[in-house]
């Protein structure tokens, strides 16, 4: 049986709050960016406050919450970045 997964990369404050920079989750049929993000938040409830401001990249291209996540994909959760 082939296991279908998605790799999730966490950056900056999101990684700090979760205490990890990456994780692998099983991918379910019909998963969207929002579905995967919500499963990450279930595992790391301390991230819930950051969810409204996150940006997403799916296989190194910006993505929206409703974009489908293909098998073997990499999803990045990116908090807003400020700088000068």
C-alpha atoms as a PDB file:
ATOM      1  CA  UNK A   1       0.000   0.000   0.000  1.00  0.00           C
ATOM      2  CA  UNK A   2       1.410   3.365  -1.019  1.00  0.00           C
ATOM      3  CA  UNK A   3       1.123   6.010   1.655  1.00  0.00           C
ATOM      4  CA  UNK A   4       0.179   9.424   0.284  1.00  0.00           C
ATOM      5  CA  UNK A   5       1.656  12.308   2.250  1.00  0.00           C
ATOM      6  CA  UNK A   6       2.267  16.026   2.214  1.00  0.00           C
ATOM      7  CA  UNK A   7       5.329  17.711   3.689  1.00  0.00           C
ATOM      8  CA  UNK A   8       4.549  20.907   5.600  1.00  0.00           C
ATOM      9  CA  UNK A   9       7.295  23.495   6.112  1.00  0.00           C
ATOM     10  CA  UNK A  10       6.939  26.062   8.895  1.00  0.00           C
ATOM     11  CA  UNK A  11       8.782  29.365   8.836  1.00  0.00           C
ATOM     12  CA  UNK A  12       9.791  32.138  11.260  1.00  0.00           C
ATOM     13  CA  UNK A  13       7.356  32.680  14.163  1.00  0.00           C
ATOM     14  CA  UNK A  14       5.180  29.734  13.090  1.00  0.00           C
ATOM     15  CA  UNK A  15       8.147  27.363  13.406  1.00  0.00           C
ATOM     16  CA  UNK A  16       9.103  28.904  16.741  1.00  0.00           C
ATOM     17  CA  UNK A  17       5.601  28.465  18.165  1.00  0.00           C
ATOM     18  CA  UNK A  18       5.298  24.877  16.943  1.00  0.00           C
ATOM     19  CA  UNK A  19       8.854  23.938  17.900  1.00  0.00           C
ATOM     20  CA  UNK A  20       9.382  22.224  14.529  1.00  0.00           C
ATOM     21  CA  UNK A  21      10.386  23.400  11.057  1.00  0.00           C
ATOM     22  CA  UNK A  22       8.725  20.604   9.114  1.00  0.00           C
ATOM     23  CA  UNK A  23       6.343  17.710   9.476  1.00  0.00           C
ATOM     24  CA  UNK A  24       4.721  15.095   7.303  1.00  0.00           C
ATOM     25  CA  UNK A  25       0.974  14.466   7.304  1.00  0.00           C
ATOM     26  CA  UNK A  26      -1.142  11.894   5.519  1.00  0.00           C
ATOM     27  CA  UNK A  27      -2.910  13.413   2.535  1.00  0.00           C
ATOM     28  CA  UNK A  28      -6.618  12.727   2.273  1.00  0.00           C
ATOM     29  CA  UNK A  29      -8.605  12.666  -0.967  1.00  0.00           C
ATOM     30  CA  UNK A  30      -9.726  16.163  -1.929  1.00  0.00           C
ATOM     31  CA  UNK A  31      -7.448  17.951   0.543  1.00  0.00           C
ATOM     32  CA  UNK A  32      -7.003  21.683   0.058  1.00  0.00           C
ATOM     33  CA  UNK A  33      -4.409  24.009   1.529  1.00  0.00           C
ATOM     34  CA  UNK A  34      -6.974  24.971   4.209  1.00  0.00           C
ATOM     35  CA  UNK A  35      -7.627  21.309   5.138  1.00  0.00           C
ATOM     36  CA  UNK A  36      -3.927  20.603   5.633  1.00  0.00           C
ATOM     37  CA  UNK A  37      -3.390  23.894   7.497  1.00  0.00           C
ATOM     38  CA  UNK A  38      -6.268  23.043   9.842  1.00  0.00           C
ATOM     39  CA  UNK A  39      -4.779  19.615  10.595  1.00  0.00           C
ATOM     40  CA  UNK A  40      -1.472  21.293  11.449  1.00  0.00           C
ATOM     41  CA  UNK A  41      -3.376  23.625  13.812  1.00  0.00           C
ATOM     42  CA  UNK A  42      -5.067  20.620  15.442  1.00  0.00           C
ATOM     43  CA  UNK A  43      -1.643  19.133  16.157  1.00  0.00           C
ATOM     44  CA  UNK A  44      -0.179  22.502  17.240  1.00  0.00           C
ATOM     45  CA  UNK A  45      -3.049  24.537  18.770  1.00  0.00           C
ATOM     46  CA  UNK A  46      -0.622  27.337  19.658  1.00  0.00           C
ATOM     47  CA  UNK A  47      -0.630  28.250  15.936  1.00  0.00           C
ATOM     48  CA  UNK A  48      -4.348  29.076  15.768  1.00  0.00           C
ATOM     49  CA  UNK A  49      -3.771  32.786  16.396  1.00  0.00           C
ATOM     50  CA  UNK A  50      -1.450  32.990  13.380  1.00  0.00           C
ATOM     51  CA  UNK A  51      -3.808  31.306  10.899  1.00  0.00           C
ATOM     52  CA  UNK A  52      -5.633  34.432   9.647  1.00  0.00           C
ATOM     53  CA  UNK A  53      -2.391  36.085   8.529  1.00  0.00           C
ATOM     54  CA  UNK A  54      -0.568  33.159   6.933  1.00  0.00           C
ATOM     55  CA  UNK A  55       0.558  33.015   3.334  1.00  0.00           C
ATOM     56  CA  UNK A  56       0.945  29.664   1.594  1.00  0.00           C
ATOM     57  CA  UNK A  57       3.286  28.208  -0.975  1.00  0.00           C
ATOM     58  CA  UNK A  58       2.511  24.897  -2.629  1.00  0.00           C
ATOM     59  CA  UNK A  59       5.521  23.317  -4.344  1.00  0.00           C
ATOM     60  CA  UNK A  60       7.320  26.685  -4.164  1.00  0.00           C
ATOM     61  CA  UNK A  61       4.501  28.722  -5.760  1.00  0.00           C
ATOM     62  CA  UNK A  62       2.124  30.941  -3.832  1.00  0.00           C
ATOM     63  CA  UNK A  63      -1.222  29.249  -3.258  1.00  0.00           C
ATOM     64  CA  UNK A  64      -4.653  30.043  -1.899  1.00  0.00           C
ATOM     65  CA  UNK A  65      -6.606  28.267   0.822  1.00  0.00           C
ATOM     66  CA  UNK A  66      -8.878  26.529  -1.689  1.00  0.00           C
ATOM     67  CA  UNK A  67      -6.063  25.152  -3.874  1.00  0.00           C
ATOM     68  CA  UNK A  68      -5.910  21.358  -4.096  1.00  0.00           C
ATOM     69  CA  UNK A  69      -2.869  19.685  -2.546  1.00  0.00           C
ATOM     70  CA  UNK A  70      -1.448  16.942  -4.782  1.00  0.00           C
ATOM     71  CA  UNK A  71       0.179  13.783  -3.463  1.00  0.00           C
ATOM     72  CA  UNK A  72       3.815  14.284  -2.526  1.00  0.00           C
ATOM     73  CA  UNK A  73       3.462  18.063  -2.378  1.00  0.00           C
ATOM     74  CA  UNK A  74       5.322  20.458  -0.126  1.00  0.00           C
ATOM     75  CA  UNK A  75       3.180  23.102   1.579  1.00  0.00           C
ATOM     76  CA  UNK A  76       4.842  26.056   3.256  1.00  0.00           C
ATOM     77  CA  UNK A  77       3.097  28.067   5.977  1.00  0.00           C
ATOM     78  CA  UNK A  78       4.548  31.554   5.891  1.00  0.00           C
ATOM     79  CA  UNK A  79       3.750  34.237   8.483  1.00  0.00           C
ATOM     80  CA  UNK A  80       3.867  37.907   7.516  1.00  0.00           C
ATOM     81  CA  UNK A  81       7.372  39.314   7.536  1.00  0.00           C
ATOM     82  CA  UNK A  82       8.250  42.865   8.439  1.00  0.00           C
ATOM     83  CA  UNK A  83      11.543  44.542   7.957  1.00  0.00           C
ATOM     84  CA  UNK A  84      13.234  47.734   7.099  1.00  0.00           C
END
